[in-house]
PDB file of N, CA and C in Angstrom:
ATOM      1  N   MET A   1      18.949 -38.699  24.457  1.00  0.00           N
ATOM      2  CA  MET A   1      18.775 -37.599  25.384  1.00  0.00           C
ATOM      3  C   MET A   1      18.527 -38.118  26.815  1.00  0.00           C
ATOM      4  N   ARG A   2      17.664 -39.140  26.915  1.00  0.00           N
ATOM      5  CA  ARG A   2      17.339 -39.699  28.225  1.00  0.00           C
ATOM      6  C   ARG A   2      18.579 -40.318  28.885  1.00  0.00           C
ATOM      7  N   ARG A   3      19.400 -40.993  28.093  1.00  0.00           N
ATOM      8  CA  ARG A   3      20.627 -41.604  28.611  1.00  0.00           C
ATOM      9  C   ARG A   3      21.552 -40.541  29.206  1.00  0.00           C
ATOM     10  N   HIS A   4      21.656 -39.403  28.528  1.00  0.00           N
ATOM     11  CA  HIS A   4      22.506 -38.316  29.021  1.00  0.00           C
ATOM     12  C   HIS A   4      21.954 -37.729  30.325  1.00  0.00           C
ATOM     13  N   PHE A   5      20.635 -37.650  30.415  1.00  0.00           N
ATOM     14  CA  PHE A   5      20.014 -37.163  31.644  1.00  0.00           C
ATOM     15  C   PHE A   5      20.357 -38.085  32.818  1.00  0.00           C
ATOM     16  N   TYR A   6      20.213 -39.388  32.617  1.00  0.00           N
ATOM     17  CA  TYR A   6      20.528 -40.339  33.686  1.00  0.00           C
ATOM     18  C   TYR A   6      22.019 -40.337  34.024  1.00  0.00           C
ATOM     19  N   LEU A   7      22.857 -40.191  33.024  1.00  0.00           N
ATOM     20  CA  LEU A   7      24.297 -40.144  33.277  1.00  0.00           C
ATOM     21  C   LEU A   7      24.658 -38.906  34.106  1.00  0.00           C
ATOM     22  N   ALA A   8      24.129 -37.753  33.718  1.00  0.00           N
ATOM     23  CA  ALA A   8      24.380 -36.520  34.477  1.00  0.00           C
ATOM     24  C   ALA A   8      23.812 -36.637  35.886  1.00  0.00           C
ATOM     25  N   SER A   9      22.627 -37.210  36.007  1.00  0.00           N
ATOM     26  CA  SER A   9      22.023 -37.389  37.332  1.00  0.00           C
ATOM     27  C   SER A   9      22.852 -38.331  38.197  1.00  0.00           C
ATOM     28  N   GLY A  10      23.406 -39.368  37.592  1.00  0.00           N
ATOM     29  CA  GLY A  10      24.259 -40.294  38.331  1.00  0.00           C
ATOM     30  C   GLY A  10      25.487 -39.595  38.890  1.00  0.00           C
ATOM     31  N   PHE A  11      26.132 -38.777  38.066  1.00  0.00           N
ATOM     32  CA  PHE A  11      27.308 -38.052  38.545  1.00  0.00           C
ATOM     33  C   PHE A  11      26.933 -36.993  39.586  1.00  0.00           C
ATOM     34  N   LEU A  12      25.773 -36.362  39.414  1.00  0.00           N
ATOM     35  CA  LEU A  12      25.300 -35.401  40.412  1.00  0.00           C
ATOM     36  C   LEU A  12      25.076 -36.108  41.750  1.00  0.00           C
ATOM     37  N   CYS A  13      24.459 -37.273  41.715  1.00  0.00           N
ATOM     38  CA  CYS A  13      24.228 -38.033  42.948  1.00  0.00           C
ATOM     39  C   CYS A  13      25.545 -38.451  43.591  1.00  0.00           C
ATOM     40  N   LEU A  14      26.519 -38.830  42.781  1.00  0.00           N
ATOM     41  CA  LEU A  14      27.832 -39.168  43.348  1.00  0.00           C
ATOM     42  C   LEU A  14      28.467 -37.954  44.009  1.00  0.00           C
ATOM     43  N   GLY A  15      28.343 -36.791  43.381  1.00  0.00           N
ATOM     44  CA  GLY A  15      28.859 -35.566  43.987  1.00  0.00           C
ATOM     45  C   GLY A  15      28.182 -35.267  45.312  1.00  0.00           C
ATOM     46  N   LEU A  16      26.864 -35.441  45.357  1.00  0.00           N
ATOM     47  CA  LEU A  16      26.133 -35.225  46.609  1.00  0.00           C
ATOM     48  C   LEU A  16      26.534 -36.252  47.662  1.00  0.00           C
ATOM     49  N   ALA A  17      26.846 -37.461  47.232  1.00  0.00           N
ATOM     50  CA  ALA A  17      27.306 -38.488  48.172  1.00  0.00           C
ATOM     51  C   ALA A  17      28.647 -38.092  48.792  1.00  0.00           C
ATOM     52  N   VAL A  18      29.525 -37.519  47.988  1.00  0.00           N
ATOM     53  CA  VAL A  18      30.816 -37.060  48.520  1.00  0.00           C
ATOM     54  C   VAL A  18      30.594 -35.955  49.544  1.00  0.00           C
ATOM     55  N   ILE A  19      29.707 -35.024  49.234  1.00  0.00           N
ATOM     56  CA  ILE A  19      29.385 -33.968  50.194  1.00  0.00           C
ATOM     57  C   ILE A  19      28.788 -34.584  51.451  1.00  0.00           C
ATOM     58  N   GLY A  20      27.920 -35.575  51.275  1.00  0.00           N
ATOM     59  CA  GLY A  20      27.298 -36.249  52.415  1.00  0.00           C
ATOM     60  C   GLY A  20      28.309 -36.980  53.288  1.00  0.00           C
ATOM     61  N   ALA A  21      29.393 -37.430  52.683  1.00  0.00           N
ATOM     62  CA  ALA A  21      30.435 -38.097  53.472  1.00  0.00           C
ATOM     63  C   ALA A  21      31.171 -37.099  54.360  1.00  0.00           C
ATOM     64  N   LEU A  22      31.150 -35.834  53.962  1.00  0.00           N
ATOM     65  CA  LEU A  22      31.869 -34.806  54.705  1.00  0.00           C
ATOM     66  C   LEU A  22      30.986 -34.027  55.679  1.00  0.00           C
ATOM     67  N   LEU A  23      29.704 -33.952  55.395  1.00  0.00           N
ATOM     68  CA  LEU A  23      28.783 -33.163  56.222  1.00  0.00           C
ATOM     69  C   LEU A  23      27.768 -34.064  56.926  1.00  0.00           C
ATOM     70  N   PRO A  24      27.480 -33.782  58.178  1.00  0.00           N
ATOM     71  CA  PRO A  24      26.525 -34.631  58.895  1.00  0.00           C
ATOM     72  C   PRO A  24      25.082 -34.428  58.471  1.00  0.00           C
ATOM     73  N   VAL A  25      24.779 -33.348  57.755  1.00  0.00           N
ATOM     74  CA  VAL A  25      23.391 -33.053  57.429  1.00  0.00           C
ATOM     75  C   VAL A  25      22.911 -33.737  56.154  1.00  0.00           C
ATOM     76  N   MET A  26      23.825 -34.409  55.437  1.00  0.00           N
ATOM     77  CA  MET A  26      23.436 -35.071  54.197  1.00  0.00           C
ATOM     78  C   MET A  26      23.786 -36.551  54.243  1.00  0.00           C
ATOM     79  N   PRO A  27      22.910 -37.382  53.695  1.00  0.00           N
ATOM     80  CA  PRO A  27      23.229 -38.810  53.656  1.00  0.00           C
ATOM     81  C   PRO A  27      24.236 -39.121  52.555  1.00  0.00           C
ATOM     82  N   THR A  28      24.884 -40.246  52.671  1.00  0.00           N
ATOM     83  CA  THR A  28      25.839 -40.672  51.657  1.00  0.00           C
ATOM     84  C   THR A  28      25.284 -41.852  50.867  1.00  0.00           C
ATOM     85  N   THR A  29      24.926 -42.909  51.566  1.00  0.00           N
ATOM     86  CA  THR A  29      24.527 -44.145  50.904  1.00  0.00           C
ATOM     87  C   THR A  29      23.298 -43.956  50.024  1.00  0.00           C
ATOM     88  N   VAL A  30      22.372 -43.121  50.452  1.00  0.00           N
ATOM     89  CA  VAL A  30      21.165 -42.880  49.656  1.00  0.00           C
ATOM     90  C   VAL A  30      21.542 -42.340  48.282  1.00  0.00           C
ATOM     91  N   PHE A  31      22.474 -41.399  48.260  1.00  0.00           N
ATOM     92  CA  PHE A  31      22.877 -40.818  46.986  1.00  0.00           C
ATOM     93  C   PHE A  31      23.672 -41.815  46.133  1.00  0.00           C
ATOM     94  N   VAL A  32      24.416 -42.700  46.766  1.00  0.00           N
ATOM     95  CA  VAL A  32      25.134 -43.737  46.009  1.00  0.00           C
ATOM     96  C   VAL A  32      24.128 -44.709  45.387  1.00  0.00           C
ATOM     97  N   ILE A  33      23.088 -45.059  46.144  1.00  0.00           N
ATOM     98  CA  ILE A  33      22.052 -45.944  45.614  1.00  0.00           C
ATOM     99  C   ILE A  33      21.336 -45.267  44.440  1.00  0.00           C
ATOM    100  N   LEU A  34      21.040 -43.980  44.578  1.00  0.00           N
ATOM    101  CA  LEU A  34      20.420 -43.245  43.469  1.00  0.00           C
ATOM    102  C   LEU A  34      21.346 -43.182  42.260  1.00  0.00           C
ATOM    103  N   ALA A  35      22.634 -42.991  42.509  1.00  0.00           N
ATOM    104  CA  ALA A  35      23.600 -42.967  41.409  1.00  0.00           C
ATOM    105  C   ALA A  35      23.603 -44.310  40.685  1.00  0.00           C
ATOM    106  N   ALA A  36      23.572 -45.408  41.447  1.00  0.00           N
ATOM    107  CA  ALA A  36      23.540 -46.735  40.828  1.00  0.00           C
ATOM    108  C   ALA A  36      22.284 -46.904  39.974  1.00  0.00           C
ATOM    109  N   TYR A  37      21.164 -46.403  40.455  1.00  0.00           N
ATOM    110  CA  TYR A  37      19.920 -46.450  39.695  1.00  0.00           C
ATOM    111  C   TYR A  37      20.082 -45.700  38.370  1.00  0.00           C
ATOM    112  N   CYS A  38      20.650 -44.504  38.448  1.00  0.00           N
ATOM    113  CA  CYS A  38      20.832 -43.696  37.238  1.00  0.00           C
ATOM    114  C   CYS A  38      21.830 -44.349  36.280  1.00  0.00           C
ATOM    115  N   PHE A  39      22.925 -44.878  36.820  1.00  0.00           N
ATOM    116  CA  PHE A  39      23.928 -45.513  35.968  1.00  0.00           C
ATOM    117  C   PHE A  39      23.404 -46.802  35.345  1.00  0.00           C
ATOM    118  N   ALA A  40      22.479 -47.483  36.008  1.00  0.00           N
ATOM    119  CA  ALA A  40      21.887 -48.690  35.426  1.00  0.00           C
ATOM    120  C   ALA A  40      21.131 -48.359  34.148  1.00  0.00           C
ATOM    121  N   ARG A  41      20.692 -47.130  34.021  1.00  0.00           N
ATOM    122  CA  ARG A  41      19.947 -46.699  32.852  1.00  0.00           C
ATOM    123  C   ARG A  41      20.799 -45.928  31.846  1.00  0.00           C
ATOM    124  N   SER A  42      22.082 -45.711  32.192  1.00  0.00           N
ATOM    125  CA  SER A  42      22.893 -44.903  31.292  1.00  0.00           C
ATOM    126  C   SER A  42      24.295 -45.448  31.041  1.00  0.00           C
ATOM    127  N   SER A  43      24.914 -46.052  32.043  1.00  0.00           N
ATOM    128  CA  SER A  43      26.302 -46.488  31.905  1.00  0.00           C
ATOM    129  C   SER A  43      26.532 -47.774  32.697  1.00  0.00           C
ATOM    130  N   PRO A  44      26.412 -48.915  32.038  1.00  0.00           N
ATOM    131  CA  PRO A  44      26.650 -50.179  32.745  1.00  0.00           C
ATOM    132  C   PRO A  44      28.044 -50.258  33.385  1.00  0.00           C
ATOM    133  N   ARG A  45      29.026 -49.596  32.784  1.00  0.00           N
ATOM    134  CA  ARG A  45      30.378 -49.604  33.341  1.00  0.00           C
ATOM    135  C   ARG A  45      30.414 -48.883  34.685  1.00  0.00           C
ATOM    136  N   MET A  46      29.771 -47.723  34.781  1.00  0.00           N
ATOM    137  CA  MET A  46      29.741 -46.987  36.053  1.00  0.00           C
ATOM    138  C   MET A  46      28.901 -47.732  37.094  1.00  0.00           C
ATOM    139  N   GLU A  47      27.811 -48.342  36.643  1.00  0.00           N
ATOM    140  CA  GLU A  47      27.001 -49.133  37.572  1.00  0.00           C
ATOM    141  C   GLU A  47      27.831 -50.278  38.149  1.00  0.00           C
ATOM    142  N   ARG A  48      28.577 -50.963  37.292  1.00  0.00           N
ATOM    143  CA  ARG A  48      29.412 -52.079  37.748  1.00  0.00           C
ATOM    144  C   ARG A  48      30.471 -51.600  38.730  1.00  0.00           C
ATOM    145  N   ARG A  49      31.040 -50.426  38.500  1.00  0.00           N
ATOM    146  CA  ARG A  49      32.043 -49.883  39.427  1.00  0.00           C
ATOM    147  C   ARG A  49      31.435 -49.654  40.806  1.00  0.00           C
ATOM    148  N   LEU A  50      30.206 -49.154  40.838  1.00  0.00           N
ATOM    149  CA  LEU A  50      29.549 -48.951  42.133  1.00  0.00           C
ATOM    150  C   LEU A  50      29.212 -50.282  42.798  1.00  0.00           C
ATOM    151  N   LEU A  51      28.718 -51.233  42.011  1.00  0.00           N
ATOM    152  CA  LEU A  51      28.364 -52.532  42.581  1.00  0.00           C
ATOM    153  C   LEU A  51      29.585 -53.282  43.093  1.00  0.00           C
ATOM    154  N   ASP A  52      30.728 -53.053  42.466  1.00  0.00           N
ATOM    155  CA  ASP A  52      31.958 -53.714  42.887  1.00  0.00           C
ATOM    156  C   ASP A  52      32.697 -52.957  43.990  1.00  0.00           C
ATOM    157  N   HIS A  53      32.215 -51.781  44.333  1.00  0.00           N
ATOM    158  CA  HIS A  53      32.882 -50.981  45.375  1.00  0.00           C
ATOM    159  C   HIS A  53      32.784 -51.723  46.714  1.00  0.00           C
ATOM    160  N   PRO A  54      33.908 -51.865  47.433  1.00  0.00           N
ATOM    161  CA  PRO A  54      33.871 -52.647  48.674  1.00  0.00           C
ATOM    162  C   PRO A  54      32.995 -52.038  49.758  1.00  0.00           C
ATOM    163  N   ARG A  55      32.842 -50.729  49.787  1.00  0.00           N
ATOM    164  CA  ARG A  55      32.049 -50.100  50.851  1.00  0.00           C
ATOM    165  C   ARG A  55      30.575 -49.953  50.472  1.00  0.00           C
ATOM    166  N   PHE A  56      30.304 -49.536  49.250  1.00  0.00           N
ATOM    167  CA  PHE A  56      28.927 -49.240  48.867  1.00  0.00           C
ATOM    168  C   PHE A  56      28.230 -50.361  48.105  1.00  0.00           C
ATOM    169  N   GLY A  57      28.983 -51.232  47.465  1.00  0.00           N
ATOM    170  CA  GLY A  57      28.387 -52.313  46.688  1.00  0.00           C
ATOM    171  C   GLY A  57      27.413 -53.176  47.471  1.00  0.00           C
ATOM    172  N   PRO A  58      27.801 -53.638  48.678  1.00  0.00           N
ATOM    173  CA  PRO A  58      26.856 -54.463  49.452  1.00  0.00           C
ATOM    174  C   PRO A  58      25.566 -53.722  49.830  1.00  0.00           C
ATOM    175  N   HIS A  59      25.662 -52.419  50.105  1.00  0.00           N
ATOM    176  CA  HIS A  59      24.457 -51.648  50.443  1.00  0.00           C
ATOM    177  C   HIS A  59      23.515 -51.570  49.245  1.00  0.00           C
ATOM    178  N   ILE A  60      24.097 -51.343  48.082  1.00  0.00           N
ATOM    179  CA  ILE A  60      23.282 -51.259  46.867  1.00  0.00           C
ATOM    180  C   ILE A  60      22.608 -52.602  46.596  1.00  0.00           C
ATOM    181  N   ALA A  61      23.368 -53.686  46.717  1.00  0.00           N
ATOM    182  CA  ALA A  61      22.806 -55.021  46.473  1.00  0.00           C
ATOM    183  C   ALA A  61      21.685 -55.337  47.456  1.00  0.00           C
ATOM    184  N   ARG A  62      21.886 -55.045  48.759  1.00  0.00           N
ATOM    185  CA  ARG A  62      20.835 -55.304  49.761  1.00  0.00           C
ATOM    186  C   ARG A  62      19.577 -54.500  49.447  1.00  0.00           C
ATOM    187  N   TRP A  63      19.777 -53.249  49.044  1.00  0.00           N
ATOM    188  CA  TRP A  63      18.625 -52.407  48.740  1.00  0.00           C
ATOM    189  C   TRP A  63      17.873 -52.955  47.531  1.00  0.00           C
ATOM    190  N   ARG A  64      18.596 -53.349  46.501  1.00  0.00           N
ATOM    191  CA  ARG A  64      17.954 -53.855  45.289  1.00  0.00           C
ATOM    192  C   ARG A  64      17.242 -55.182  45.523  1.00  0.00           C
ATOM    193  N   GLU A  65      17.838 -56.046  46.317  1.00  0.00           N
ATOM    194  CA  GLU A  65      17.261 -57.377  46.518  1.00  0.00           C
ATOM    195  C   GLU A  65      16.122 -57.397  47.535  1.00  0.00           C
ATOM    196  N   HIS A  66      16.263 -56.635  48.617  1.00  0.00           N
ATOM    197  CA  HIS A  66      15.298 -56.747  49.716  1.00  0.00           C
ATOM    198  C   HIS A  66      14.731 -55.413  50.193  1.00  0.00           C
ATOM    199  N   GLY A  67      15.193 -54.298  49.642  1.00  0.00           N
ATOM    200  CA  GLY A  67      14.794 -52.993  50.174  1.00  0.00           C
ATOM    201  C   GLY A  67      15.302 -52.828  51.593  1.00  0.00           C
ATOM    202  N   ALA A  68      16.461 -53.440  51.884  1.00  0.00           N
ATOM    203  CA  ALA A  68      16.960 -53.515  53.259  1.00  0.00           C
ATOM    204  C   ALA A  68      18.072 -52.502  53.520  1.00  0.00           C
ATOM    205  N   ILE A  69      18.114 -52.053  54.771  1.00  0.00           N
ATOM    206  CA  ILE A  69      19.169 -51.175  55.273  1.00  0.00           C
ATOM    207  C   ILE A  69      19.706 -51.835  56.535  1.00  0.00           C
ATOM    208  N   ASN A  70      21.036 -51.997  56.611  1.00  0.00           N
ATOM    209  CA  ASN A  70      21.570 -52.683  57.792  1.00  0.00           C
ATOM    210  C   ASN A  70      21.490 -51.792  59.037  1.00  0.00           C
ATOM    211  N   ARG A  71      21.621 -52.414  60.191  1.00  0.00           N
ATOM    212  CA  ARG A  71      21.464 -51.690  61.460  1.00  0.00           C
ATOM    213  C   ARG A  71      22.511 -50.591  61.607  1.00  0.00           C
ATOM    214  N   THR A  72      23.730 -50.834  61.146  1.00  0.00           N
ATOM    215  CA  THR A  72      24.767 -49.811  61.231  1.00  0.00           C
ATOM    216  C   THR A  72      24.365 -48.579  60.432  1.00  0.00           C
ATOM    217  N   GLY A  73      23.806 -48.786  59.267  1.00  0.00           N
ATOM    218  CA  GLY A  73      23.330 -47.672  58.453  1.00  0.00           C
ATOM    219  C   GLY A  73      22.205 -46.915  59.114  1.00  0.00           C
ATOM    220  N   LYS A  74      21.315 -47.645  59.748  1.00  0.00           N
ATOM    221  CA  LYS A  74      20.210 -47.004  60.461  1.00  0.00           C
ATOM    222  C   LYS A  74      20.733 -46.164  61.620  1.00  0.00           C
ATOM    223  N   LYS A  75      21.695 -46.704  62.349  1.00  0.00           N
ATOM    224  CA  LYS A  75      22.272 -45.956  63.471  1.00  0.00           C
ATOM    225  C   LYS A  75      23.024 -44.724  62.976  1.00  0.00           C
ATOM    226  N   ALA A  76      23.739 -44.870  61.870  1.00  0.00           N
ATOM    227  CA  ALA A  76      24.468 -43.734  61.305  1.00  0.00           C
ATOM    228  C   ALA A  76      23.498 -42.642  60.860  1.00  0.00           C
ATOM    229  N   ALA A  77      22.390 -43.038  60.257  1.00  0.00           N
ATOM    230  CA  ALA A  77      21.382 -42.059  59.839  1.00  0.00           C
ATOM    231  C   ALA A  77      20.792 -41.346  61.053  1.00  0.00           C
ATOM    232  N   ALA A  78      20.495 -42.097  62.109  1.00  0.00           N
ATOM    233  CA  ALA A  78      19.943 -41.487  63.324  1.00  0.00           C
ATOM    234  C   ALA A  78      20.943 -40.509  63.936  1.00  0.00           C
ATOM    235  N   ALA A  79      22.216 -40.877  63.951  1.00  0.00           N
ATOM    236  CA  ALA A  79      23.243 -39.972  64.490  1.00  0.00           C
ATOM    237  C   ALA A  79      23.346 -38.714  63.633  1.00  0.00           C
ATOM    238  N   ALA A  80      23.307 -38.868  62.313  1.00  0.00           N
ATOM    239  CA  ALA A  80      23.376 -37.701  61.426  1.00  0.00           C
ATOM    240  C   ALA A  80      22.169 -36.792  61.631  1.00  0.00           C
ATOM    241  N   PHE A  81      20.994 -37.385  61.808  1.00  0.00           N
ATOM    242  CA  PHE A  81      19.806 -36.577  62.075  1.00  0.00           C
ATOM    243  C   PHE A  81      19.946 -35.830  63.397  1.00  0.00           C
ATOM    244  N   ALA A  82      20.447 -36.492  64.417  1.00  0.00           N
ATOM    245  CA  ALA A  82      20.620 -35.849  65.720  1.00  0.00           C
ATOM    246  C   ALA A  82      21.593 -34.675  65.622  1.00  0.00           C
ATOM    247  N   ILE A  83      22.702 -34.875  64.928  1.00  0.00           N
ATOM    248  CA  ILE A  83      23.672 -33.791  64.747  1.00  0.00           C
ATOM    249  C   ILE A  83      23.040 -32.639  63.969  1.00  0.00           C
ATOM    250  N   SER A  84      22.276 -32.963  62.942  1.00  0.00           N
ATOM    251  CA  SER A  84      21.612 -31.933  62.144  1.00  0.00           C
ATOM    252  C   SER A  84      20.639 -31.123  62.986  1.00  0.00           C
ATOM    253  N   ILE A  85      19.914 -31.793  63.852  1.00  0.00           N
ATOM    254  CA  ILE A  85      18.962 -31.095  64.720  1.00  0.00           C
ATOM    255  C   ILE A  85      19.697 -30.165  65.676  1.00  0.00           C
ATOM    256  N   VAL A  86      20.776 -30.640  66.257  1.00  0.00           N
ATOM    257  CA  VAL A  86      21.556 -29.798  67.181  1.00  0.00           C
ATOM    258  C   VAL A  86      22.099 -28.578  66.448  1.00  0.00           C
ATOM    259  N   ILE A  87      22.640 -28.792  65.245  1.00  0.00           N
ATOM    260  CA  ILE A  87      23.164 -27.667  64.464  1.00  0.00           C
ATOM    261  C   ILE A  87      22.056 -26.677  64.129  1.00  0.00           C
ATOM    262  N   ALA A  88      20.905 -27.191  63.712  1.00  0.00           N
ATOM    263  CA  ALA A  88      19.777 -26.315  63.374  1.00  0.00           C
ATOM    264  C   ALA A  88      19.318 -25.525  64.594  1.00  0.00           C
ATOM    265  N   LEU A  89      19.244 -26.187  65.755  1.00  0.00           N
ATOM    266  CA  LEU A  89      18.831 -25.482  66.971  1.00  0.00           C
ATOM    267  C   LEU A  89      19.836 -24.402  67.365  1.00  0.00           C
ATOM    268  N   ALA A  90      21.111 -24.663  67.131  1.00  0.00           N
ATOM    269  CA  ALA A  90      22.152 -23.717  67.529  1.00  0.00           C
ATOM    270  C   ALA A  90      22.301 -22.549  66.553  1.00  0.00           C
ATOM    271  N   LEU A  91      22.046 -22.777  65.287  1.00  0.00           N
ATOM    272  CA  LEU A  91      22.387 -21.763  64.293  1.00  0.00           C
ATOM    273  C   LEU A  91      21.217 -21.072  63.608  1.00  0.00           C
ATOM    274  N   THR A  92      20.022 -21.579  63.761  1.00  0.00           N
ATOM    275  CA  THR A  92      18.892 -20.959  63.063  1.00  0.00           C
ATOM    276  C   THR A  92      17.798 -20.579  64.056  1.00  0.00           C
ATOM    277  N   PRO A  93      17.093 -19.495  63.739  1.00  0.00           N
ATOM    278  CA  PRO A  93      16.011 -19.068  64.628  1.00  0.00           C
ATOM    279  C   PRO A  93      14.776 -19.947  64.445  1.00  0.00           C
ATOM    280  N   MET A  94      13.966 -19.991  65.461  1.00  0.00           N
ATOM    281  CA  MET A  94      12.698 -20.704  65.360  1.00  0.00           C
ATOM    282  C   MET A  94      11.861 -20.018  64.295  1.00  0.00           C
ATOM    283  N   PRO A  95      11.082 -20.689  63.544  1.00  0.00           N
ATOM    284  CA  PRO A  95      10.655 -22.076  63.607  1.00  0.00           C
ATOM    285  C   PRO A  95      11.475 -23.008  62.712  1.00  0.00           C
ATOM    286  N   TRP A  96      12.583 -22.552  62.113  1.00  0.00           N
ATOM    287  CA  TRP A  96      13.322 -23.371  61.157  1.00  0.00           C
ATOM    288  C   TRP A  96      13.839 -24.682  61.727  1.00  0.00           C
ATOM    289  N   PRO A  97      14.281 -24.741  62.954  1.00  0.00           N
ATOM    290  CA  PRO A  97      14.693 -26.057  63.474  1.00  0.00           C
ATOM    291  C   PRO A  97      13.563 -27.084  63.477  1.00  0.00           C
ATOM    292  N   LEU A  98      12.324 -26.610  63.543  1.00  0.00           N
ATOM    293  CA  LEU A  98      11.190 -27.533  63.524  1.00  0.00           C
ATOM    294  C   LEU A  98      11.100 -28.280  62.185  1.00  0.00           C
ATOM    295  N   VAL A  99      11.530 -27.610  61.105  1.00  0.00           N
ATOM    296  CA  VAL A  99      11.549 -28.267  59.797  1.00  0.00           C
ATOM    297  C   VAL A  99      12.549 -29.420  59.826  1.00  0.00           C
ATOM    298  N   THR A 100      13.720 -29.167  60.405  1.00  0.00           N
ATOM    299  CA  THR A 100      14.736 -30.209  60.512  1.00  0.00           C
ATOM    300  C   THR A 100      14.241 -31.365  61.369  1.00  0.00           C
ATOM    301  N   ILE A 101      13.597 -31.046  62.469  1.00  0.00           N
ATOM    302  CA  ILE A 101      13.075 -32.083  63.358  1.00  0.00           C
ATOM    303  C   ILE A 101      12.001 -32.908  62.644  1.00  0.00           C
ATOM    304  N   ALA A 102      11.105 -32.230  61.932  1.00  0.00           N
ATOM    305  CA  ALA A 102      10.045 -32.942  61.209  1.00  0.00           C
ATOM    306  C   ALA A 102      10.640 -33.855  60.131  1.00  0.00           C
ATOM    307  N   ALA A 103      11.614 -33.336  59.371  1.00  0.00           N
ATOM    308  CA  ALA A 103      12.246 -34.153  58.326  1.00  0.00           C
ATOM    309  C   ALA A 103      12.948 -35.355  58.945  1.00  0.00           C
ATOM    310  N   ALA A 104      13.640 -35.145  60.065  1.00  0.00           N
ATOM    311  CA  ALA A 104      14.340 -36.248  60.728  1.00  0.00           C
ATOM    312  C   ALA A 104      13.351 -37.309  61.209  1.00  0.00           C
ATOM    313  N   LEU A 105      12.232 -36.877  61.747  1.00  0.00           N
ATOM    314  CA  LEU A 105      11.236 -37.840  62.228  1.00  0.00           C
ATOM    315  C   LEU A 105      10.599 -38.621  61.078  1.00  0.00           C
ATOM    316  N   ILE A 106      10.291 -37.922  59.999  1.00  0.00           N
ATOM    317  CA  ILE A 106       9.638 -38.591  58.871  1.00  0.00           C
ATOM    318  C   ILE A 106      10.609 -39.544  58.175  1.00  0.00           C
ATOM    319  N   VAL A 107      11.762 -39.026  57.772  1.00  0.00           N
ATOM    320  CA  VAL A 107      12.720 -39.856  57.040  1.00  0.00           C
ATOM    321  C   VAL A 107      13.329 -40.916  57.955  1.00  0.00           C
ATOM    322  N   GLY A 108      13.654 -40.524  59.183  1.00  0.00           N
ATOM    323  CA  GLY A 108      14.207 -41.490  60.136  1.00  0.00           C
ATOM    324  C   GLY A 108      13.228 -42.606  60.443  1.00  0.00           C
ATOM    325  N   GLY A 109      11.968 -42.249  60.604  1.00  0.00           N
ATOM    326  CA  GLY A 109      10.950 -43.270  60.829  1.00  0.00           C
ATOM    327  C   GLY A 109      10.838 -44.227  59.657  1.00  0.00           C
ATOM    328  N   TRP A 110      10.906 -43.679  58.447  1.00  0.00           N
ATOM    329  CA  TRP A 110      10.847 -44.526  57.258  1.00  0.00           C
ATOM    330  C   TRP A 110      12.060 -45.455  57.211  1.00  0.00           C
ATOM    331  N   ILE A 111      13.235 -44.920  57.506  1.00  0.00           N
ATOM    332  CA  ILE A 111      14.459 -45.750  57.496  1.00  0.00           C
ATOM    333  C   ILE A 111      14.346 -46.891  58.486  1.00  0.00           C
ATOM    334  N   TRP A 112      13.859 -46.616  59.686  1.00  0.00           N
ATOM    335  CA  TRP A 112      13.782 -47.673  60.720  1.00  0.00           C
ATOM    336  C   TRP A 112      12.702 -48.702  60.428  1.00  0.00           C
ATOM    337  N   THR A 113      11.782 -48.416  59.506  1.00  0.00           N
ATOM    338  CA  THR A 113      10.773 -49.415  59.149  1.00  0.00           C
ATOM    339  C   THR A 113      11.234 -50.331  58.012  1.00  0.00           C
ATOM    340  N   ARG A 114      12.369 -50.031  57.387  1.00  0.00           N
ATOM    341  CA  ARG A 114      12.905 -50.896  56.327  1.00  0.00           C
ATOM    342  C   ARG A 114      13.459 -52.174  56.957  1.00  0.00           C
ATOM    343  N   PRO A 115      13.384 -53.267  56.215  1.00  0.00           N
ATOM    344  CA  PRO A 115      13.954 -54.514  56.749  1.00  0.00           C
ATOM    345  C   PRO A 115      15.471 -54.386  56.900  1.00  0.00           C
ATOM    346  N   GLU A 116      16.017 -55.201  57.780  1.00  0.00           N
ATOM    347  CA  GLU A 116      17.465 -55.209  57.976  1.00  0.00           C
ATOM    348  C   GLU A 116      18.063 -56.347  57.192  1.00  0.00           C
ATOM    349  N   GLY A 117      19.193 -56.060  56.594  1.00  0.00           N
ATOM    350  CA  GLY A 117      19.828 -57.105  55.812  1.00  0.00           C
ATOM    351  C   GLY A 117      21.321 -57.075  55.943  1.00  0.00           C
TER     352      GLY A 117
END
């Protein structure tokens, strides 16, 4: 039962990563890393496919080995947060944009404190 839960969660995270690749308000790499975590507990074949992926494999390996996020990833996250804040300010009434700003500051601050690799 637990294996099926992790397998379903891995595919859900991959789906969210695809959405994140298309929308500025959602991250991509975070969901791929979560998918790799889930697949490590449910499907070694799917985990290996992610680790061997030319775009996401190195990010997963850096995260697993050092808890590191490269500078390009940090800049991309900051840009996505900025776009999300602008969209929230333009499309939602106050105080809802403040939630977006708070989330961007908290998560963005955490991202920038991770080591670079």
